[in-house]
Amino acid sequence: MAKLVVLVLSGPENRRKVITGLKFAQMAKESGKLEDVRVIVSAEAVDIFKDEFFKDLIKEVNASVSMKACKMNAEGAGVADYVESSGVSLSPVGKELLDFINEGYEVISF
């Protein structure tokens, strides 16, 4: 079975793109058609954690899909506390992304 990483890079000003990425990851996980699905939030996308609009969606997706946010980007944007309070883990996602690729995960970005 295939494994997937959904890499969300778009900031909160691109609501449709962020929503599409997060909802796609959730749907992919719940479909049972993939062995594993992960979400990585990085670059400008870390700002979604301080945007009230995304609060419920982040909680919903994180309940079904393993989500992580880039620690370096979150700290640089001053949103690390928002990420942690949402229940999403902060992590050095660059290295993890390389590991996922090495383990055969497909990566799609939004």
N, C-alpha and C. Protein backbone atom coordinates (compact mmCIF):
# COMPACT_ATOMS: atom_id res chain seq x y z
N MET A 1 0.83 -1.20 0.00
CA MET A 1 0.00 0.00 0.00
C MET A 1 0.87 1.25 0.00
N ALA A 2 0.35 2.29 -0.57
CA ALA A 2 1.06 3.55 -0.67
C ALA A 2 1.01 4.32 0.65
N LYS A 3 2.00 5.18 0.82
CA LYS A 3 2.09 6.06 1.99
C LYS A 3 2.21 7.49 1.48
N LEU A 4 1.60 8.43 2.22
CA LEU A 4 1.49 9.79 1.73
C LEU A 4 1.86 10.82 2.80
N VAL A 5 2.60 11.84 2.38
CA VAL A 5 2.83 13.03 3.19
C VAL A 5 2.16 14.19 2.46
N VAL A 6 1.26 14.88 3.17
CA VAL A 6 0.66 16.11 2.64
C VAL A 6 1.43 17.26 3.26
N LEU A 7 2.11 18.01 2.42
CA LEU A 7 2.95 19.11 2.84
C LEU A 7 2.18 20.41 2.59
N VAL A 8 1.77 21.06 3.68
CA VAL A 8 1.01 22.31 3.56
C VAL A 8 1.99 23.46 3.73
N LEU A 9 2.13 24.25 2.66
CA LEU A 9 3.08 25.35 2.63
C LEU A 9 2.39 26.72 2.50
N SER A 10 1.16 26.73 2.03
CA SER A 10 0.44 27.98 1.78
C SER A 10 -0.01 28.62 3.07
N GLY A 11 0.06 29.94 3.11
CA GLY A 11 -0.34 30.68 4.29
C GLY A 11 -1.84 30.84 4.39
N PRO A 12 -2.30 31.40 5.50
CA PRO A 12 -3.73 31.54 5.75
C PRO A 12 -4.46 32.43 4.74
N GLU A 13 -3.73 33.26 4.00
CA GLU A 13 -4.38 34.08 2.98
C GLU A 13 -4.86 33.22 1.81
N ASN A 14 -4.34 32.01 1.69
CA ASN A 14 -4.76 31.05 0.67
C ASN A 14 -5.66 29.99 1.30
N ARG A 15 -6.76 30.44 1.89
CA ARG A 15 -7.64 29.55 2.66
C ARG A 15 -8.05 28.30 1.90
N ARG A 16 -8.45 28.47 0.67
CA ARG A 16 -8.93 27.29 -0.09
C ARG A 16 -7.84 26.25 -0.24
N LYS A 17 -6.64 26.69 -0.49
CA LYS A 17 -5.53 25.76 -0.67
C LYS A 17 -5.21 25.02 0.63
N VAL A 18 -5.18 25.75 1.72
CA VAL A 18 -4.91 25.14 3.03
C VAL A 18 -6.03 24.16 3.40
N ILE A 19 -7.26 24.59 3.24
CA ILE A 19 -8.40 23.71 3.55
C ILE A 19 -8.37 22.46 2.69
N THR A 20 -8.11 22.63 1.40
CA THR A 20 -8.06 21.49 0.49
C THR A 20 -6.98 20.50 0.92
N GLY A 21 -5.80 21.00 1.26
CA GLY A 21 -4.72 20.11 1.69
C GLY A 21 -5.06 19.35 2.96
N LEU A 22 -5.57 20.06 3.96
CA LEU A 22 -5.89 19.40 5.23
C LEU A 22 -7.04 18.42 5.08
N LYS A 23 -8.09 18.82 4.35
CA LYS A 23 -9.24 17.92 4.17
C LYS A 23 -8.88 16.72 3.30
N PHE A 24 -8.00 16.93 2.31
CA PHE A 24 -7.56 15.81 1.48
C PHE A 24 -6.81 14.80 2.33
N ALA A 25 -5.93 15.27 3.20
CA ALA A 25 -5.18 14.36 4.07
C ALA A 25 -6.14 13.56 4.95
N GLN A 26 -7.13 14.23 5.50
CA GLN A 26 -8.10 13.56 6.36
C GLN A 26 -8.89 12.52 5.56
N MET A 27 -9.35 12.89 4.38
CA MET A 27 -10.11 11.96 3.54
C MET A 27 -9.25 10.76 3.14
N ALA A 28 -7.99 11.03 2.79
CA ALA A 28 -7.09 9.95 2.38
C ALA A 28 -6.88 8.96 3.53
N LYS A 29 -6.70 9.48 4.72
CA LYS A 29 -6.51 8.62 5.89
C LYS A 29 -7.76 7.79 6.17
N GLU A 30 -8.91 8.47 6.16
CA GLU A 30 -10.16 7.79 6.50
C GLU A 30 -10.63 6.84 5.41
N SER A 31 -10.09 6.95 4.19
CA SER A 31 -10.49 6.08 3.09
C SER A 31 -10.02 4.64 3.31
N GLY A 32 -8.93 4.49 4.06
CA GLY A 32 -8.37 3.15 4.26
C GLY A 32 -7.61 2.63 3.06
N LYS A 33 -7.44 3.46 2.03
CA LYS A 33 -6.78 3.02 0.81
C LYS A 33 -5.27 3.20 0.84
N LEU A 34 -4.78 3.88 1.87
CA LEU A 34 -3.34 4.12 2.01
C LEU A 34 -2.85 3.51 3.31
N GLU A 35 -1.63 3.05 3.30
CA GLU A 35 -1.03 2.47 4.51
C GLU A 35 -0.87 3.51 5.61
N ASP A 36 -0.46 4.74 5.22
CA ASP A 36 -0.23 5.78 6.21
C ASP A 36 -0.37 7.14 5.54
N VAL A 37 -0.84 8.13 6.31
CA VAL A 37 -0.95 9.50 5.85
C VAL A 37 -0.43 10.41 6.95
N ARG A 38 0.42 11.35 6.58
CA ARG A 38 0.98 12.32 7.50
C ARG A 38 0.76 13.72 6.95
N VAL A 39 0.72 14.71 7.84
CA VAL A 39 0.63 16.11 7.43
C VAL A 39 1.80 16.86 8.04
N ILE A 40 2.48 17.62 7.20
CA ILE A 40 3.54 18.52 7.66
C ILE A 40 3.13 19.94 7.28
N VAL A 41 3.13 20.83 8.26
CA VAL A 41 2.81 22.23 8.06
C VAL A 41 4.11 23.01 8.17
N SER A 42 4.46 23.74 7.11
CA SER A 42 5.74 24.43 7.09
C SER A 42 5.61 25.76 6.34
N ALA A 43 6.71 26.49 6.28
CA ALA A 43 6.79 27.78 5.58
C ALA A 43 5.70 28.72 6.09
N GLU A 44 5.04 29.45 5.19
CA GLU A 44 4.01 30.41 5.61
C GLU A 44 2.81 29.75 6.26
N ALA A 45 2.63 28.46 6.02
CA ALA A 45 1.46 27.75 6.56
C ALA A 45 1.43 27.72 8.08
N VAL A 46 2.57 27.89 8.74
CA VAL A 46 2.54 27.87 10.21
C VAL A 46 1.67 28.98 10.78
N ASP A 47 1.42 30.01 9.99
CA ASP A 47 0.57 31.11 10.46
C ASP A 47 -0.89 30.71 10.61
N ILE A 48 -1.28 29.56 10.07
CA ILE A 48 -2.68 29.12 10.25
C ILE A 48 -2.99 28.85 11.72
N PHE A 49 -1.97 28.56 12.50
CA PHE A 49 -2.19 28.23 13.91
C PHE A 49 -2.62 29.43 14.75
N LYS A 50 -2.35 30.64 14.27
CA LYS A 50 -2.79 31.82 15.02
C LYS A 50 -4.06 32.42 14.42
N ASP A 51 -4.56 31.80 13.35
CA ASP A 51 -5.78 32.27 12.68
C ASP A 51 -6.98 31.49 13.23
N GLU A 52 -7.87 32.18 13.88
CA GLU A 52 -9.03 31.55 14.51
C GLU A 52 -9.86 30.75 13.51
N PHE A 53 -9.87 31.17 12.25
CA PHE A 53 -10.63 30.49 11.21
C PHE A 53 -10.26 29.01 11.10
N PHE A 54 -8.99 28.67 11.31
CA PHE A 54 -8.50 27.31 11.11
C PHE A 54 -8.53 26.45 12.38
N LYS A 55 -8.86 27.03 13.51
CA LYS A 55 -8.75 26.33 14.79
C LYS A 55 -9.48 24.99 14.81
N ASP A 56 -10.75 24.98 14.45
CA ASP A 56 -11.53 23.74 14.49
C ASP A 56 -11.06 22.73 13.44
N LEU A 57 -10.68 23.22 12.27
CA LEU A 57 -10.20 22.33 11.22
C LEU A 57 -8.91 21.64 11.64
N ILE A 58 -7.99 22.39 12.23
CA ILE A 58 -6.74 21.79 12.71
C ILE A 58 -7.03 20.71 13.74
N LYS A 59 -7.91 21.00 14.66
CA LYS A 59 -8.26 20.03 15.70
C LYS A 59 -8.87 18.76 15.08
N GLU A 60 -9.78 18.96 14.13
CA GLU A 60 -10.44 17.84 13.47
C GLU A 60 -9.45 16.96 12.70
N VAL A 61 -8.59 17.58 11.92
CA VAL A 61 -7.63 16.82 11.12
C VAL A 61 -6.60 16.14 12.02
N ASN A 62 -6.13 16.85 13.02
CA ASN A 62 -5.13 16.28 13.94
C ASN A 62 -5.67 15.08 14.71
N ALA A 63 -6.98 14.99 14.87
CA ALA A 63 -7.59 13.85 15.56
C ALA A 63 -7.51 12.57 14.74
N SER A 64 -7.38 12.71 13.41
CA SER A 64 -7.36 11.51 12.57
C SER A 64 -6.05 11.28 11.82
N VAL A 65 -5.27 12.34 11.65
CA VAL A 65 -4.03 12.25 10.88
C VAL A 65 -2.88 12.78 11.73
N SER A 66 -1.74 12.13 11.67
CA SER A 66 -0.56 12.61 12.39
C SER A 66 -0.07 13.90 11.76
N MET A 67 -0.15 15.01 12.52
CA MET A 67 0.28 16.32 12.04
C MET A 67 1.50 16.80 12.80
N LYS A 68 2.41 17.43 12.07
CA LYS A 68 3.56 18.08 12.68
C LYS A 68 3.75 19.43 12.01
N ALA A 69 4.30 20.37 12.76
CA ALA A 69 4.62 21.69 12.23
C ALA A 69 6.11 21.92 12.35
N CYS A 70 6.65 22.67 11.41
CA CYS A 70 8.07 22.98 11.39
C CYS A 70 8.43 23.87 12.58
N LYS A 71 9.28 23.36 13.42
CA LYS A 71 9.69 24.10 14.61
C LYS A 71 10.42 25.40 14.24
N MET A 72 11.32 25.33 13.28
CA MET A 72 12.09 26.51 12.88
C MET A 72 11.17 27.60 12.32
N ASN A 73 10.23 27.23 11.44
CA ASN A 73 9.32 28.22 10.87
C ASN A 73 8.38 28.77 11.92
N ALA A 74 7.88 27.92 12.81
CA ALA A 74 6.95 28.37 13.86
C ALA A 74 7.64 29.34 14.81
N GLU A 75 8.85 29.01 15.20
CA GLU A 75 9.59 29.91 16.10
C GLU A 75 9.92 31.22 15.38
N GLY A 76 10.31 31.13 14.13
CA GLY A 76 10.63 32.33 13.36
C GLY A 76 9.43 33.25 13.16
N ALA A 77 8.25 32.65 13.04
CA ALA A 77 7.03 33.44 12.85
C ALA A 77 6.38 33.83 14.17
N GLY A 78 6.95 33.37 15.28
CA GLY A 78 6.40 33.69 16.59
C GLY A 78 5.09 32.99 16.90
N VAL A 79 4.90 31.79 16.31
CA VAL A 79 3.64 31.08 16.52
C VAL A 79 3.80 29.72 17.22
N ALA A 80 4.98 29.46 17.76
CA ALA A 80 5.24 28.15 18.39
C ALA A 80 4.23 27.87 19.51
N ASP A 81 3.89 28.87 20.31
CA ASP A 81 2.92 28.66 21.38
C ASP A 81 1.54 28.30 20.83
N TYR A 82 1.15 28.92 19.73
CA TYR A 82 -0.14 28.61 19.09
C TYR A 82 -0.15 27.16 18.59
N VAL A 83 0.97 26.73 18.00
CA VAL A 83 1.07 25.35 17.50
C VAL A 83 0.91 24.38 18.65
N GLU A 84 1.68 24.59 19.70
CA GLU A 84 1.64 23.67 20.84
C GLU A 84 0.26 23.65 21.50
N SER A 85 -0.40 24.79 21.60
CA SER A 85 -1.73 24.82 22.23
C SER A 85 -2.78 24.15 21.36
N SER A 86 -2.50 23.97 20.06
CA SER A 86 -3.44 23.29 19.17
C SER A 86 -3.32 21.77 19.28
N GLY A 87 -2.27 21.29 19.94
CA GLY A 87 -2.06 19.85 20.06
C GLY A 87 -1.19 19.26 18.96
N VAL A 88 -0.70 20.11 18.06
CA VAL A 88 0.17 19.66 16.98
C VAL A 88 1.62 19.73 17.47
N SER A 89 2.39 18.72 17.13
CA SER A 89 3.79 18.66 17.56
C SER A 89 4.67 19.57 16.71
N LEU A 90 5.63 20.22 17.37
CA LEU A 90 6.68 20.96 16.68
C LEU A 90 7.85 20.00 16.46
N SER A 91 8.43 20.07 15.28
CA SER A 91 9.47 19.11 14.95
C SER A 91 10.39 19.68 13.88
N PRO A 92 11.64 19.18 13.81
CA PRO A 92 12.52 19.57 12.71
C PRO A 92 12.10 18.80 11.46
N VAL A 93 11.09 19.29 10.77
CA VAL A 93 10.44 18.51 9.72
C VAL A 93 11.28 18.29 8.47
N GLY A 94 12.30 19.09 8.24
CA GLY A 94 13.15 18.87 7.07
C GLY A 94 13.77 17.48 7.09
N LYS A 95 14.37 17.12 8.21
CA LYS A 95 14.97 15.79 8.34
C LYS A 95 13.91 14.71 8.26
N GLU A 96 12.77 14.93 8.90
CA GLU A 96 11.69 13.94 8.86
C GLU A 96 11.16 13.74 7.45
N LEU A 97 11.07 14.83 6.69
CA LEU A 97 10.60 14.72 5.32
C LEU A 97 11.56 13.86 4.50
N LEU A 98 12.85 14.06 4.69
CA LEU A 98 13.83 13.21 4.01
C LEU A 98 13.65 11.75 4.39
N ASP A 99 13.41 11.49 5.67
CA ASP A 99 13.18 10.12 6.13
C ASP A 99 11.93 9.53 5.48
N PHE A 100 10.86 10.31 5.42
CA PHE A 100 9.63 9.82 4.78
C PHE A 100 9.87 9.47 3.32
N ILE A 101 10.58 10.32 2.61
CA ILE A 101 10.88 10.05 1.20
C ILE A 101 11.69 8.77 1.08
N ASN A 102 12.68 8.62 1.95
CA ASN A 102 13.51 7.42 1.94
C ASN A 102 12.70 6.16 2.25
N GLU A 103 11.62 6.32 3.03
CA GLU A 103 10.75 5.19 3.38
C GLU A 103 9.67 4.93 2.34
N GLY A 104 9.71 5.67 1.23
CA GLY A 104 8.78 5.40 0.14
C GLY A 104 7.48 6.19 0.16
N TYR A 105 7.40 7.23 1.00
CA TYR A 105 6.20 8.06 1.03
C TYR A 105 6.16 8.94 -0.21
N GLU A 106 4.97 9.11 -0.78
CA GLU A 106 4.73 10.10 -1.82
C GLU A 106 4.49 11.43 -1.11
N VAL A 107 4.94 12.53 -1.69
CA VAL A 107 4.75 13.85 -1.10
C VAL A 107 3.97 14.71 -2.08
N ILE A 108 2.87 15.29 -1.58
CA ILE A 108 2.14 16.28 -2.36
C ILE A 108 2.04 17.55 -1.54
N SER A 109 2.04 18.68 -2.21
CA SER A 109 2.04 19.94 -1.46
C SER A 109 0.86 20.82 -1.86
N PHE A 110 0.44 21.60 -0.91
CA PHE A 110 -0.66 22.54 -1.09
C PHE A 110 -0.22 23.91 -0.60
